[in-house]
Amino acid sequence: MQLKRLGHVAICVQDIKTAANFYQNLGMELVWQDSDWAYLKAGDDGLALLGPGYSQARSHFGFVFSDRTEIETAYQQLQQQGAEITPIHEHRDGTASFYGRDPDGNAFEYLYEPIKKGDT
């Protein structure tokens, strides 16, 4: 299993627009915004903002994979180890992920993020 990087931290916010504006004013670039979540980046590092209506996950940190087979392999390995994980979910922005919990209950996400032109 080959992790690309620790890709993002996700936090819960009360108002997506207000929070996105705040982090943009700190110098982050808005990549995606919807009514229930937003994603901002600072270089390769991401910040996901999860609104009160977002039901897929709560606060967590995300590990990024650039190869789809790697996330599927990681999923199978964690499943065999008896880890608490969700099914792989296809996201509306072209990524795919699953969520899990470490032995202390901390939430994490394994995220497949396709390589885009110029990212090599």
PDB file of N, CA and C in Angstrom:
ATOM      1  N   MET A   1       0.856  -1.173   0.000  1.00  0.00           N
ATOM      2  CA  MET A   1       0.000   0.000   0.000  1.00  0.00           C
ATOM      3  C   MET A   1       0.902   1.236   0.000  1.00  0.00           C
ATOM      4  N   GLN A   2       0.720   2.110  -0.986  1.00  0.00           N
ATOM      5  CA  GLN A   2       1.598   3.264  -1.151  1.00  0.00           C
ATOM      6  C   GLN A   2       0.806   4.575  -1.022  1.00  0.00           C
ATOM      7  N   LEU A   3       0.914   5.207   0.141  1.00  0.00           N
ATOM      8  CA  LEU A   3       0.274   6.511   0.339  1.00  0.00           C
ATOM      9  C   LEU A   3       1.027   7.579  -0.430  1.00  0.00           C
ATOM     10  N   LYS A   4       0.308   8.474  -1.030  1.00  0.00           N
ATOM     11  CA  LYS A   4       0.925   9.607  -1.724  1.00  0.00           C
ATOM     12  C   LYS A   4       1.295  10.687  -0.727  1.00  0.00           C
ATOM     13  N   ARG A   5       0.328  11.008   0.178  1.00  0.00           N
ATOM     14  CA  ARG A   5       0.578  12.044   1.183  1.00  0.00           C
ATOM     15  C   ARG A   5      -0.606  12.112   2.139  1.00  0.00           C
ATOM     16  N   LEU A   6      -0.411  12.818   3.239  1.00  0.00           N
ATOM     17  CA  LEU A   6      -1.528  13.211   4.084  1.00  0.00           C
ATOM     18  C   LEU A   6      -2.117  14.409   3.381  1.00  0.00           C
ATOM     19  N   GLY A   7      -3.305  14.276   2.835  1.00  0.00           N
ATOM     20  CA  GLY A   7      -3.821  15.261   1.890  1.00  0.00           C
ATOM     21  C   GLY A   7      -4.683  16.362   2.436  1.00  0.00           C
ATOM     22  N   HIS A   8      -5.472  16.075   3.474  1.00  0.00           N
ATOM     23  CA  HIS A   8      -6.360  17.119   3.958  1.00  0.00           C
ATOM     24  C   HIS A   8      -6.819  16.854   5.386  1.00  0.00           C
ATOM     25  N   VAL A   9      -7.319  17.913   5.968  1.00  0.00           N
ATOM     26  CA  VAL A   9      -8.006  17.851   7.253  1.00  0.00           C
ATOM     27  C   VAL A   9      -9.411  18.352   6.989  1.00  0.00           C
ATOM     28  N   ALA A  10     -10.398  17.700   7.568  1.00  0.00           N
ATOM     29  CA  ALA A  10     -11.796  18.118   7.406  1.00  0.00           C
ATOM     30  C   ALA A  10     -12.325  18.581   8.755  1.00  0.00           C
ATOM     31  N   ILE A  11     -12.964  19.746   8.743  1.00  0.00           N
ATOM     32  CA  ILE A  11     -13.533  20.293   9.968  1.00  0.00           C
ATOM     33  C   ILE A  11     -15.004  20.624   9.750  1.00  0.00           C
ATOM     34  N   CYS A  12     -15.751  20.609  10.827  1.00  0.00           N
ATOM     35  CA  CYS A  12     -17.172  20.952  10.768  1.00  0.00           C
ATOM     36  C   CYS A  12     -17.339  22.451  10.991  1.00  0.00           C
ATOM     37  N   VAL A  13     -18.180  23.062  10.171  1.00  0.00           N
ATOM     38  CA  VAL A  13     -18.446  24.501  10.270  1.00  0.00           C
ATOM     39  C   VAL A  13     -19.957  24.731  10.246  1.00  0.00           C
ATOM     40  N   GLN A  14     -20.374  25.869  10.750  1.00  0.00           N
ATOM     41  CA  GLN A  14     -21.799  26.194  10.777  1.00  0.00           C
ATOM     42  C   GLN A  14     -22.290  26.774   9.461  1.00  0.00           C
ATOM     43  N   ASP A  15     -21.425  27.532   8.763  1.00  0.00           N
ATOM     44  CA  ASP A  15     -21.828  28.201   7.532  1.00  0.00           C
ATOM     45  C   ASP A  15     -20.717  28.055   6.497  1.00  0.00           C
ATOM     46  N   ILE A  16     -20.989  27.314   5.438  1.00  0.00           N
ATOM     47  CA  ILE A  16     -19.981  27.015   4.417  1.00  0.00           C
ATOM     48  C   ILE A  16     -19.431  28.298   3.797  1.00  0.00           C
ATOM     49  N   LYS A  17     -20.301  29.195   3.367  1.00  0.00           N
ATOM     50  CA  LYS A  17     -19.867  30.411   2.677  1.00  0.00           C
ATOM     51  C   LYS A  17     -18.982  31.283   3.575  1.00  0.00           C
ATOM     52  N   THR A  18     -19.393  31.491   4.804  1.00  0.00           N
ATOM     53  CA  THR A  18     -18.613  32.308   5.740  1.00  0.00           C
ATOM     54  C   THR A  18     -17.248  31.680   6.000  1.00  0.00           C
ATOM     55  N   ALA A  19     -17.238  30.362   6.248  1.00  0.00           N
ATOM     56  CA  ALA A  19     -15.981  29.669   6.534  1.00  0.00           C
ATOM     57  C   ALA A  19     -15.061  29.680   5.316  1.00  0.00           C
ATOM     58  N   ALA A  20     -15.620  29.430   4.115  1.00  0.00           N
ATOM     59  CA  ALA A  20     -14.807  29.436   2.894  1.00  0.00           C
ATOM     60  C   ALA A  20     -14.194  30.815   2.668  1.00  0.00           C
ATOM     61  N   ASN A  21     -14.971  31.865   2.867  1.00  0.00           N
ATOM     62  CA  ASN A  21     -14.440  33.225   2.727  1.00  0.00           C
ATOM     63  C   ASN A  21     -13.320  33.493   3.726  1.00  0.00           C
ATOM     64  N   PHE A  22     -13.506  33.039   4.962  1.00  0.00           N
ATOM     65  CA  PHE A  22     -12.484  33.229   5.993  1.00  0.00           C
ATOM     66  C   PHE A  22     -11.163  32.591   5.566  1.00  0.00           C
ATOM     67  N   TYR A  23     -11.211  31.335   5.137  1.00  0.00           N
ATOM     68  CA  TYR A  23      -9.976  30.636   4.766  1.00  0.00           C
ATOM     69  C   TYR A  23      -9.381  31.158   3.457  1.00  0.00           C
ATOM     70  N   GLN A  24     -10.222  31.656   2.552  1.00  0.00           N
ATOM     71  CA  GLN A  24      -9.698  32.309   1.352  1.00  0.00           C
ATOM     72  C   GLN A  24      -8.928  33.571   1.749  1.00  0.00           C
ATOM     73  N   ASN A  25      -9.435  34.313   2.720  1.00  0.00           N
ATOM     74  CA  ASN A  25      -8.752  35.520   3.190  1.00  0.00           C
ATOM     75  C   ASN A  25      -7.431  35.201   3.878  1.00  0.00           C
ATOM     76  N   LEU A  26      -7.266  33.951   4.328  1.00  0.00           N
ATOM     77  CA  LEU A  26      -5.987  33.520   4.904  1.00  0.00           C
ATOM     78  C   LEU A  26      -5.004  33.073   3.828  1.00  0.00           C
ATOM     79  N   GLY A  27      -5.459  33.087   2.561  1.00  0.00           N
ATOM     80  CA  GLY A  27      -4.571  32.745   1.454  1.00  0.00           C
ATOM     81  C   GLY A  27      -4.826  31.404   0.806  1.00  0.00           C
ATOM     82  N   MET A  28      -5.862  30.693   1.239  1.00  0.00           N
ATOM     83  CA  MET A  28      -6.162  29.402   0.614  1.00  0.00           C
ATOM     84  C   MET A  28      -6.968  29.616  -0.663  1.00  0.00           C
ATOM     85  N   GLU A  29      -6.828  28.670  -1.597  1.00  0.00           N
ATOM     86  CA  GLU A  29      -7.545  28.724  -2.870  1.00  0.00           C
ATOM     87  C   GLU A  29      -8.795  27.849  -2.787  1.00  0.00           C
ATOM     88  N   LEU A  30      -9.932  28.411  -3.143  1.00  0.00           N
ATOM     89  CA  LEU A  30     -11.178  27.655  -3.171  1.00  0.00           C
ATOM     90  C   LEU A  30     -11.191  26.763  -4.411  1.00  0.00           C
ATOM     91  N   VAL A  31     -11.298  25.464  -4.206  1.00  0.00           N
ATOM     92  CA  VAL A  31     -11.297  24.489  -5.294  1.00  0.00           C
ATOM     93  C   VAL A  31     -12.720  24.061  -5.639  1.00  0.00           C
ATOM     94  N   TRP A  32     -13.559  23.871  -4.616  1.00  0.00           N
ATOM     95  CA  TRP A  32     -14.916  23.375  -4.820  1.00  0.00           C
ATOM     96  C   TRP A  32     -15.788  23.913  -3.698  1.00  0.00           C
ATOM     97  N   GLN A  33     -16.972  24.361  -4.037  1.00  0.00           N
ATOM     98  CA  GLN A  33     -17.921  24.768  -3.003  1.00  0.00           C
ATOM     99  C   GLN A  33     -19.318  24.349  -3.414  1.00  0.00           C
ATOM    100  N   ASP A  34     -20.027  23.777  -2.482  1.00  0.00           N
ATOM    101  CA  ASP A  34     -21.399  23.367  -2.679  1.00  0.00           C
ATOM    102  C   ASP A  34     -22.174  23.846  -1.453  1.00  0.00           C
ATOM    103  N   SER A  35     -23.428  23.544  -1.389  1.00  0.00           N
ATOM    104  CA  SER A  35     -24.242  24.029  -0.273  1.00  0.00           C
ATOM    105  C   SER A  35     -23.871  23.374   1.055  1.00  0.00           C
ATOM    106  N   ASP A  36     -23.326  22.143   1.014  1.00  0.00           N
ATOM    107  CA  ASP A  36     -23.035  21.443   2.265  1.00  0.00           C
ATOM    108  C   ASP A  36     -21.558  21.169   2.531  1.00  0.00           C
ATOM    109  N   TRP A  37     -20.677  21.493   1.575  1.00  0.00           N
ATOM    110  CA  TRP A  37     -19.242  21.343   1.833  1.00  0.00           C
ATOM    111  C   TRP A  37     -18.433  22.175   0.857  1.00  0.00           C
ATOM    112  N   ALA A  38     -17.183  22.412   1.236  1.00  0.00           N
ATOM    113  CA  ALA A  38     -16.245  23.151   0.384  1.00  0.00           C
ATOM    114  C   ALA A  38     -14.865  22.541   0.575  1.00  0.00           C
ATOM    115  N   TYR A  39     -14.029  22.755  -0.433  1.00  0.00           N
ATOM    116  CA  TYR A  39     -12.652  22.248  -0.372  1.00  0.00           C
ATOM    117  C   TYR A  39     -11.715  23.354  -0.796  1.00  0.00           C
ATOM    118  N   LEU A  40     -10.717  23.617   0.040  1.00  0.00           N
ATOM    119  CA  LEU A  40      -9.722  24.652  -0.232  1.00  0.00           C
ATOM    120  C   LEU A  40      -8.339  24.025  -0.192  1.00  0.00           C
ATOM    121  N   LYS A  41      -7.398  24.659  -0.891  1.00  0.00           N
ATOM    122  CA  LYS A  41      -6.030  24.149  -0.908  1.00  0.00           C
ATOM    123  C   LYS A  41      -5.032  25.260  -0.642  1.00  0.00           C
ATOM    124  N   ALA A  42      -3.940  24.866  -0.038  1.00  0.00           N
ATOM    125  CA  ALA A  42      -2.751  25.697   0.121  1.00  0.00           C
ATOM    126  C   ALA A  42      -1.610  24.829  -0.384  1.00  0.00           C
ATOM    127  N   GLY A  43      -1.200  25.048  -1.620  1.00  0.00           N
ATOM    128  CA  GLY A  43      -0.227  24.150  -2.242  1.00  0.00           C
ATOM    129  C   GLY A  43      -0.871  22.791  -2.445  1.00  0.00           C
ATOM    130  N   ASP A  44      -0.232  21.738  -1.925  1.00  0.00           N
ATOM    131  CA  ASP A  44      -0.779  20.383  -2.035  1.00  0.00           C
ATOM    132  C   ASP A  44      -1.666  20.011  -0.853  1.00  0.00           C
ATOM    133  N   ASP A  45      -1.746  20.885   0.141  1.00  0.00           N
ATOM    134  CA  ASP A  45      -2.492  20.589   1.361  1.00  0.00           C
ATOM    135  C   ASP A  45      -3.920  21.096   1.263  1.00  0.00           C
ATOM    136  N   GLY A  46      -4.871  20.294   1.737  1.00  0.00           N
ATOM    137  CA  GLY A  46      -6.273  20.645   1.619  1.00  0.00           C
ATOM    138  C   GLY A  46      -6.978  20.807   2.949  1.00  0.00           C
ATOM    139  N   LEU A  47      -8.052  21.578   2.896  1.00  0.00           N
ATOM    140  CA  LEU A  47      -8.940  21.776   4.026  1.00  0.00           C
ATOM    141  C   LEU A  47     -10.357  21.579   3.521  1.00  0.00           C
ATOM    142  N   ALA A  48     -11.050  20.594   4.069  1.00  0.00           N
ATOM    143  CA  ALA A  48     -12.449  20.353   3.725  1.00  0.00           C
ATOM    144  C   ALA A  48     -13.317  20.968   4.808  1.00  0.00           C
ATOM    145  N   LEU A  49     -14.317  21.723   4.376  1.00  0.00           N
ATOM    146  CA  LEU A  49     -15.272  22.330   5.295  1.00  0.00           C
ATOM    147  C   LEU A  49     -16.583  21.572   5.162  1.00  0.00           C
ATOM    148  N   LEU A  50     -17.072  21.019   6.257  1.00  0.00           N
ATOM    149  CA  LEU A  50     -18.277  20.202   6.251  1.00  0.00           C
ATOM    150  C   LEU A  50     -19.389  20.947   6.979  1.00  0.00           C
ATOM    151  N   GLY A  51     -20.459  21.231   6.275  1.00  0.00           N
ATOM    152  CA  GLY A  51     -21.577  21.949   6.869  1.00  0.00           C
ATOM    153  C   GLY A  51     -22.449  21.041   7.725  1.00  0.00           C
ATOM    154  N   PRO A  52     -23.375  21.643   8.478  1.00  0.00           N
ATOM    155  CA  PRO A  52     -24.250  20.865   9.357  1.00  0.00           C
ATOM    156  C   PRO A  52     -25.068  19.800   8.617  1.00  0.00           C
ATOM    157  N   GLY A  53     -25.378  20.023   7.349  1.00  0.00           N
ATOM    158  CA  GLY A  53     -26.172  19.060   6.587  1.00  0.00           C
ATOM    159  C   GLY A  53     -25.357  17.992   5.884  1.00  0.00           C
ATOM    160  N   TYR A  54     -24.036  18.057   5.988  1.00  0.00           N
ATOM    161  CA  TYR A  54     -23.203  17.072   5.303  1.00  0.00           C
ATOM    162  C   TYR A  54     -23.277  15.747   6.051  1.00  0.00           C
ATOM    163  N   SER A  55     -23.717  14.681   5.384  1.00  0.00           N
ATOM    164  CA  SER A  55     -23.969  13.418   6.080  1.00  0.00           C
ATOM    165  C   SER A  55     -22.931  12.333   5.815  1.00  0.00           C
ATOM    166  N   GLN A  56     -21.984  12.551   4.917  1.00  0.00           N
ATOM    167  CA  GLN A  56     -21.024  11.499   4.577  1.00  0.00           C
ATOM    168  C   GLN A  56     -19.956  11.288   5.647  1.00  0.00           C
ATOM    169  N   ALA A  57     -19.564  12.352   6.340  1.00  0.00           N
ATOM    170  CA  ALA A  57     -18.493  12.237   7.324  1.00  0.00           C
ATOM    171  C   ALA A  57     -18.531  13.426   8.268  1.00  0.00           C
ATOM    172  N   ARG A  58     -17.791  13.312   9.347  1.00  0.00           N
ATOM    173  CA  ARG A  58     -17.581  14.420  10.276  1.00  0.00           C
ATOM    174  C   ARG A  58     -16.087  14.732  10.250  1.00  0.00           C
ATOM    175  N   SER A  59     -15.592  15.435  11.239  1.00  0.00           N
ATOM    176  CA  SER A  59     -14.177  15.808  11.264  1.00  0.00           C
ATOM    177  C   SER A  59     -13.292  14.586  11.081  1.00  0.00           C
ATOM    178  N   HIS A  60     -12.256  14.743  10.239  1.00  0.00           N
ATOM    179  CA  HIS A  60     -11.337  13.638   9.964  1.00  0.00           C
ATOM    180  C   HIS A  60     -10.085  14.175   9.274  1.00  0.00           C
ATOM    181  N   PHE A  61      -9.121  13.319   9.074  1.00  0.00           N
ATOM    182  CA  PHE A  61      -7.956  13.637   8.247  1.00  0.00           C
ATOM    183  C   PHE A  61      -7.923  12.644   7.107  1.00  0.00           C
ATOM    184  N   GLY A  62      -7.392  13.079   5.956  1.00  0.00           N
ATOM    185  CA  GLY A  62      -7.454  12.245   4.766  1.00  0.00           C
ATOM    186  C   GLY A  62      -6.089  11.929   4.178  1.00  0.00           C
ATOM    187  N   PHE A  63      -5.885  10.655   3.870  1.00  0.00           N
ATOM    188  CA  PHE A  63      -4.696  10.189   3.176  1.00  0.00           C
ATOM    189  C   PHE A  63      -5.013  10.077   1.693  1.00  0.00           C
ATOM    190  N   VAL A  64      -4.094  10.491   0.846  1.00  0.00           N
ATOM    191  CA  VAL A  64      -4.338  10.532  -0.593  1.00  0.00           C
ATOM    192  C   VAL A  64      -3.560   9.437  -1.314  1.00  0.00           C
ATOM    193  N   PHE A  65      -4.250   8.810  -2.269  1.00  0.00           N
ATOM    194  CA  PHE A  65      -3.655   7.842  -3.181  1.00  0.00           C
ATOM    195  C   PHE A  65      -3.851   8.370  -4.594  1.00  0.00           C
ATOM    196  N   SER A  66      -2.873   8.168  -5.467  1.00  0.00           N
ATOM    197  CA  SER A  66      -3.024   8.595  -6.861  1.00  0.00           C
ATOM    198  C   SER A  66      -3.336   7.426  -7.784  1.00  0.00           C
ATOM    199  N   ASP A  67      -3.345   6.215  -7.251  1.00  0.00           N
ATOM    200  CA  ASP A  67      -3.621   5.011  -8.026  1.00  0.00           C
ATOM    201  C   ASP A  67      -4.878   4.341  -7.462  1.00  0.00           C
ATOM    202  N   ARG A  68      -5.885   4.174  -8.275  1.00  0.00           N
ATOM    203  CA  ARG A  68      -7.158   3.605  -7.822  1.00  0.00           C
ATOM    204  C   ARG A  68      -6.982   2.197  -7.259  1.00  0.00           C
ATOM    205  N   THR A  69      -6.102   1.402  -7.843  1.00  0.00           N
ATOM    206  CA  THR A  69      -5.909   0.042  -7.330  1.00  0.00           C
ATOM    207  C   THR A  69      -5.328   0.059  -5.918  1.00  0.00           C
ATOM    208  N   GLU A  70      -4.535   1.090  -5.582  1.00  0.00           N
ATOM    209  CA  GLU A  70      -3.960   1.192  -4.237  1.00  0.00           C
ATOM    210  C   GLU A  70      -5.038   1.380  -3.182  1.00  0.00           C
ATOM    211  N   ILE A  71      -6.041   2.203  -3.466  1.00  0.00           N
ATOM    212  CA  ILE A  71      -7.102   2.413  -2.475  1.00  0.00           C
ATOM    213  C   ILE A  71      -7.935   1.142  -2.321  1.00  0.00           C
ATOM    214  N   GLU A  72      -8.136   0.420  -3.402  1.00  0.00           N
ATOM    215  CA  GLU A  72      -8.888  -0.835  -3.322  1.00  0.00           C
ATOM    216  C   GLU A  72      -8.102  -1.886  -2.535  1.00  0.00           C
ATOM    217  N   THR A  73      -6.782  -1.922  -2.730  1.00  0.00           N
ATOM    218  CA  THR A  73      -5.929  -2.837  -1.966  1.00  0.00           C
ATOM    219  C   THR A  73      -5.952  -2.471  -0.484  1.00  0.00           C
ATOM    220  N   ALA A  74      -5.837  -1.184  -0.189  1.00  0.00           N
ATOM    221  CA  ALA A  74      -5.879  -0.719   1.196  1.00  0.00           C
ATOM    222  C   ALA A  74      -7.213  -1.081   1.844  1.00  0.00           C
ATOM    223  N   TYR A  75      -8.286  -0.917   1.102  1.00  0.00           N
ATOM    224  CA  TYR A  75      -9.618  -1.254   1.601  1.00  0.00           C
ATOM    225  C   TYR A  75      -9.688  -2.736   1.978  1.00  0.00           C
ATOM    226  N   GLN A  76      -9.223  -3.595   1.079  1.00  0.00           N
ATOM    227  CA  GLN A  76      -9.256  -5.035   1.336  1.00  0.00           C
ATOM    228  C   GLN A  76      -8.400  -5.410   2.541  1.00  0.00           C
ATOM    229  N   GLN A  77      -7.212  -4.795   2.659  1.00  0.00           N
ATOM    230  CA  GLN A  77      -6.332  -5.097   3.783  1.00  0.00           C
ATOM    231  C   GLN A  77      -6.966  -4.686   5.111  1.00  0.00           C
ATOM    232  N   LEU A  78      -7.537  -3.491   5.147  1.00  0.00           N
ATOM    233  CA  LEU A  78      -8.172  -3.025   6.382  1.00  0.00           C
ATOM    234  C   LEU A  78      -9.392  -3.868   6.717  1.00  0.00           C
ATOM    235  N   GLN A  79     -10.127  -4.272   5.701  1.00  0.00           N
ATOM    236  CA  GLN A  79     -11.300  -5.125   5.910  1.00  0.00           C
ATOM    237  C   GLN A  79     -10.874  -6.466   6.507  1.00  0.00           C
ATOM    238  N   GLN A  80      -9.785  -7.055   5.989  1.00  0.00           N
ATOM    239  CA  GLN A  80      -9.275  -8.330   6.501  1.00  0.00           C
ATOM    240  C   GLN A  80      -8.772  -8.197   7.938  1.00  0.00           C
ATOM    241  N   GLN A  81      -8.284  -7.006   8.290  1.00  0.00           N
ATOM    242  CA  GLN A  81      -7.788  -6.767   9.651  1.00  0.00           C
ATOM    243  C   GLN A  81      -8.921  -6.483  10.633  1.00  0.00           C
ATOM    244  N   GLY A  82     -10.141  -6.387  10.124  1.00  0.00           N
ATOM    245  CA  GLY A  82     -11.286  -6.132  10.988  1.00  0.00           C
ATOM    246  C   GLY A  82     -11.456  -4.675  11.375  1.00  0.00           C
ATOM    247  N   ALA A  83     -10.833  -3.771  10.621  1.00  0.00           N
ATOM    248  CA  ALA A  83     -10.949  -2.340  10.916  1.00  0.00           C
ATOM    249  C   ALA A  83     -12.366  -1.856  10.628  1.00  0.00           C
ATOM    250  N   GLU A  84     -12.780  -0.854  11.361  1.00  0.00           N
ATOM    251  CA  GLU A  84     -14.092  -0.230  11.148  1.00  0.00           C
ATOM    252  C   GLU A  84     -13.979   0.704   9.942  1.00  0.00           C
ATOM    253  N   ILE A  85     -14.562   0.312   8.796  1.00  0.00           N
ATOM    254  CA  ILE A  85     -14.500   1.109   7.573  1.00  0.00           C
ATOM    255  C   ILE A  85     -15.858   1.113   6.882  1.00  0.00           C
ATOM    256  N   THR A  86     -16.061   2.144   6.071  1.00  0.00           N
ATOM    257  CA  THR A  86     -17.286   2.252   5.279  1.00  0.00           C
ATOM    258  C   THR A  86     -17.008   1.713   3.871  1.00  0.00           C
ATOM    259  N   PRO A  87     -18.050   1.467   3.090  1.00  0.00           N
ATOM    260  CA  PRO A  87     -17.816   1.078   1.692  1.00  0.00           C
ATOM    261  C   PRO A  87     -17.143   2.210   0.904  1.00  0.00           C
ATOM    262  N   ILE A  88     -16.483   1.861  -0.187  1.00  0.00           N
ATOM    263  CA  ILE A  88     -15.892   2.874  -1.065  1.00  0.00           C
ATOM    264  C   ILE A  88     -17.016   3.667  -1.711  1.00  0.00           C
ATOM    265  N   HIS A  89     -16.867   4.968  -1.701  1.00  0.00           N
ATOM    266  CA  HIS A  89     -17.894   5.894  -2.199  1.00  0.00           C
ATOM    267  C   HIS A  89     -17.331   6.718  -3.349  1.00  0.00           C
ATOM    268  N   GLU A  90     -18.063   6.797  -4.451  1.00  0.00           N
ATOM    269  CA  GLU A  90     -17.679   7.636  -5.593  1.00  0.00           C
ATOM    270  C   GLU A  90     -18.183   9.052  -5.323  1.00  0.00           C
ATOM    271  N   HIS A  91     -17.291  10.039  -5.397  1.00  0.00           N
ATOM    272  CA  HIS A  91     -17.655  11.426  -5.111  1.00  0.00           C
ATOM    273  C   HIS A  91     -17.993  12.184  -6.394  1.00  0.00           C
ATOM    274  N   ARG A  92     -18.751  13.243  -6.248  1.00  0.00           N
ATOM    275  CA  ARG A  92     -19.206  14.040  -7.391  1.00  0.00           C
ATOM    276  C   ARG A  92     -18.086  14.815  -8.073  1.00  0.00           C
ATOM    277  N   ASP A  93     -16.904  14.906  -7.433  1.00  0.00           N
ATOM    278  CA  ASP A  93     -15.793  15.623  -8.059  1.00  0.00           C
ATOM    279  C   ASP A  93     -14.802  14.694  -8.754  1.00  0.00           C
ATOM    280  N   GLY A  94     -15.152  13.400  -8.916  1.00  0.00           N
ATOM    281  CA  GLY A  94     -14.292  12.455  -9.622  1.00  0.00           C
ATOM    282  C   GLY A  94     -13.365  11.650  -8.727  1.00  0.00           C
ATOM    283  N   THR A  95     -13.354  11.938  -7.444  1.00  0.00           N
ATOM    284  CA  THR A  95     -12.541  11.174  -6.513  1.00  0.00           C
ATOM    285  C   THR A  95     -13.374  10.017  -5.959  1.00  0.00           C
ATOM    286  N   ALA A  96     -12.744   9.152  -5.197  1.00  0.00           N
ATOM    287  CA  ALA A  96     -13.434   8.061  -4.516  1.00  0.00           C
ATOM    288  C   ALA A  96     -12.746   7.843  -3.179  1.00  0.00           C
ATOM    289  N   SER A  97     -13.516   7.447  -2.172  1.00  0.00           N
ATOM    290  CA  SER A  97     -12.893   7.267  -0.867  1.00  0.00           C
ATOM    291  C   SER A  97     -13.692   6.322   0.008  1.00  0.00           C
ATOM    292  N   PHE A  98     -13.080   5.978   1.128  1.00  0.00           N
ATOM    293  CA  PHE A  98     -13.790   5.305   2.203  1.00  0.00           C
ATOM    294  C   PHE A  98     -13.277   5.884   3.512  1.00  0.00           C
ATOM    295  N   TYR A  99     -14.107   5.775   4.538  1.00  0.00           N
ATOM    296  CA  TYR A  99     -13.784   6.310   5.854  1.00  0.00           C
ATOM    297  C   TYR A  99     -13.579   5.175   6.833  1.00  0.00           C
ATOM    298  N   GLY A 100     -12.799   5.448   7.856  1.00  0.00           N
ATOM    299  CA  GLY A 100     -12.571   4.463   8.893  1.00  0.00           C
ATOM    300  C   GLY A 100     -12.217   5.125  10.207  1.00  0.00           C
ATOM    301  N   ARG A 101     -11.973   4.303  11.205  1.00  0.00           N
ATOM    302  CA  ARG A 101     -11.568   4.777  12.525  1.00  0.00           C
ATOM    303  C   ARG A 101     -10.341   4.004  12.968  1.00  0.00           C
ATOM    304  N   ASP A 102      -9.420   4.733  13.603  1.00  0.00           N
ATOM    305  CA  ASP A 102      -8.237   4.081  14.161  1.00  0.00           C
ATOM    306  C   ASP A 102      -8.610   3.451  15.506  1.00  0.00           C
ATOM    307  N   PRO A 103      -7.685   2.737  16.152  1.00  0.00           N
ATOM    308  CA  PRO A 103      -8.028   2.068  17.420  1.00  0.00           C
ATOM    309  C   PRO A 103      -8.516   3.012  18.519  1.00  0.00           C
ATOM    310  N   ASP A 104      -8.190   4.312  18.418  1.00  0.00           N
ATOM    311  CA  ASP A 104      -8.635   5.271  19.423  1.00  0.00           C
ATOM    312  C   ASP A 104      -9.907   6.014  19.014  1.00  0.00           C
ATOM    313  N   GLY A 105     -10.492   5.643  17.878  1.00  0.00           N
ATOM    314  CA  GLY A 105     -11.736   6.250  17.447  1.00  0.00           C
ATOM    315  C   GLY A 105     -11.588   7.474  16.567  1.00  0.00           C
ATOM    316  N   ASN A 106     -10.352   7.860  16.221  1.00  0.00           N
ATOM    317  CA  ASN A 106     -10.133   9.000  15.335  1.00  0.00           C
ATOM    318  C   ASN A 106     -10.537   8.626  13.910  1.00  0.00           C
ATOM    319  N   ALA A 107     -11.258   9.526  13.255  1.00  0.00           N
ATOM    320  CA  ALA A 107     -11.743   9.247  11.901  1.00  0.00           C
ATOM    321  C   ALA A 107     -10.679   9.598  10.862  1.00  0.00           C
ATOM    322  N   PHE A 108     -10.590   8.750   9.835  1.00  0.00           N
ATOM    323  CA  PHE A 108      -9.683   9.015   8.718  1.00  0.00           C
ATOM    324  C   PHE A 108     -10.406   8.684   7.420  1.00  0.00           C
ATOM    325  N   GLU A 109      -9.857   9.206   6.343  1.00  0.00           N
ATOM    326  CA  GLU A 109     -10.382   8.918   5.006  1.00  0.00           C
ATOM    327  C   GLU A 109      -9.223   8.492   4.131  1.00  0.00           C
ATOM    328  N   TYR A 110      -9.420   7.450   3.350  1.00  0.00           N
ATOM    329  CA  TYR A 110      -8.486   7.071   2.299  1.00  0.00           C
ATOM    330  C   TYR A 110      -9.122   7.550   1.008  1.00  0.00           C
ATOM    331  N   LEU A 111      -8.437   8.445   0.312  1.00  0.00           N
ATOM    332  CA  LEU A 111      -8.997   9.147  -0.831  1.00  0.00           C
ATOM    333  C   LEU A 111      -8.191   8.887  -2.092  1.00  0.00           C
ATOM    334  N   TYR A 112      -8.877   8.407  -3.131  1.00  0.00           N
ATOM    335  CA  TYR A 112      -8.268   8.295  -4.451  1.00  0.00           C
ATOM    336  C   TYR A 112      -8.460   9.631  -5.150  1.00  0.00           C
ATOM    337  N   GLU A 113      -7.353  10.230  -5.536  1.00  0.00           N
ATOM    338  CA  GLU A 113      -7.367  11.527  -6.227  1.00  0.00           C
ATOM    339  C   GLU A 113      -6.606  11.351  -7.533  1.00  0.00           C
ATOM    340  N   PRO A 114      -7.322  11.311  -8.653  1.00  0.00           N
ATOM    341  CA  PRO A 114      -6.646  11.087  -9.939  1.00  0.00           C
ATOM    342  C   PRO A 114      -5.575  12.147 -10.197  1.00  0.00           C
ATOM    343  N   ILE A 115      -4.507  11.726 -10.823  1.00  0.00           N
ATOM    344  CA  ILE A 115      -3.447  12.668 -11.205  1.00  0.00           C
ATOM    345  C   ILE A 115      -3.972  13.534 -12.334  1.00  0.00           C
ATOM    346  N   LYS A 116      -3.826  14.828 -12.175  1.00  0.00           N
ATOM    347  CA  LYS A 116      -4.254  15.776 -13.212  1.00  0.00           C
ATOM    348  C   LYS A 116      -3.046  16.227 -14.002  1.00  0.00           C
ATOM    349  N   LYS A 117      -3.255  16.647 -15.227  1.00  0.00           N
ATOM    350  CA  LYS A 117      -2.158  17.136 -16.052  1.00  0.00           C
ATOM    351  C   LYS A 117      -1.407  18.232 -15.308  1.00  0.00           C
ATOM    352  N   GLY A 118      -0.093  18.139 -15.311  1.00  0.00           N
ATOM    353  CA  GLY A 118       0.738  19.124 -14.643  1.00  0.00           C
ATOM    354  C   GLY A 118       1.051  18.778 -13.203  1.00  0.00           C
ATOM    355  N   ASP A 119       0.449  17.695 -12.646  1.00  0.00           N
ATOM    356  CA  ASP A 119       0.697  17.308 -11.263  1.00  0.00           C
ATOM    357  C   ASP A 119       1.839  16.301 -11.124  1.00  0.00           C
ATOM    358  N   THR A 120       2.451  15.887 -12.198  1.00  0.00           N
ATOM    359  CA  THR A 120       3.469  14.846 -12.091  1.00  0.00           C
ATOM    360  C   THR A 120       4.769  15.375 -11.596  1.00  0.00           C
TER     361      THR A 120
END
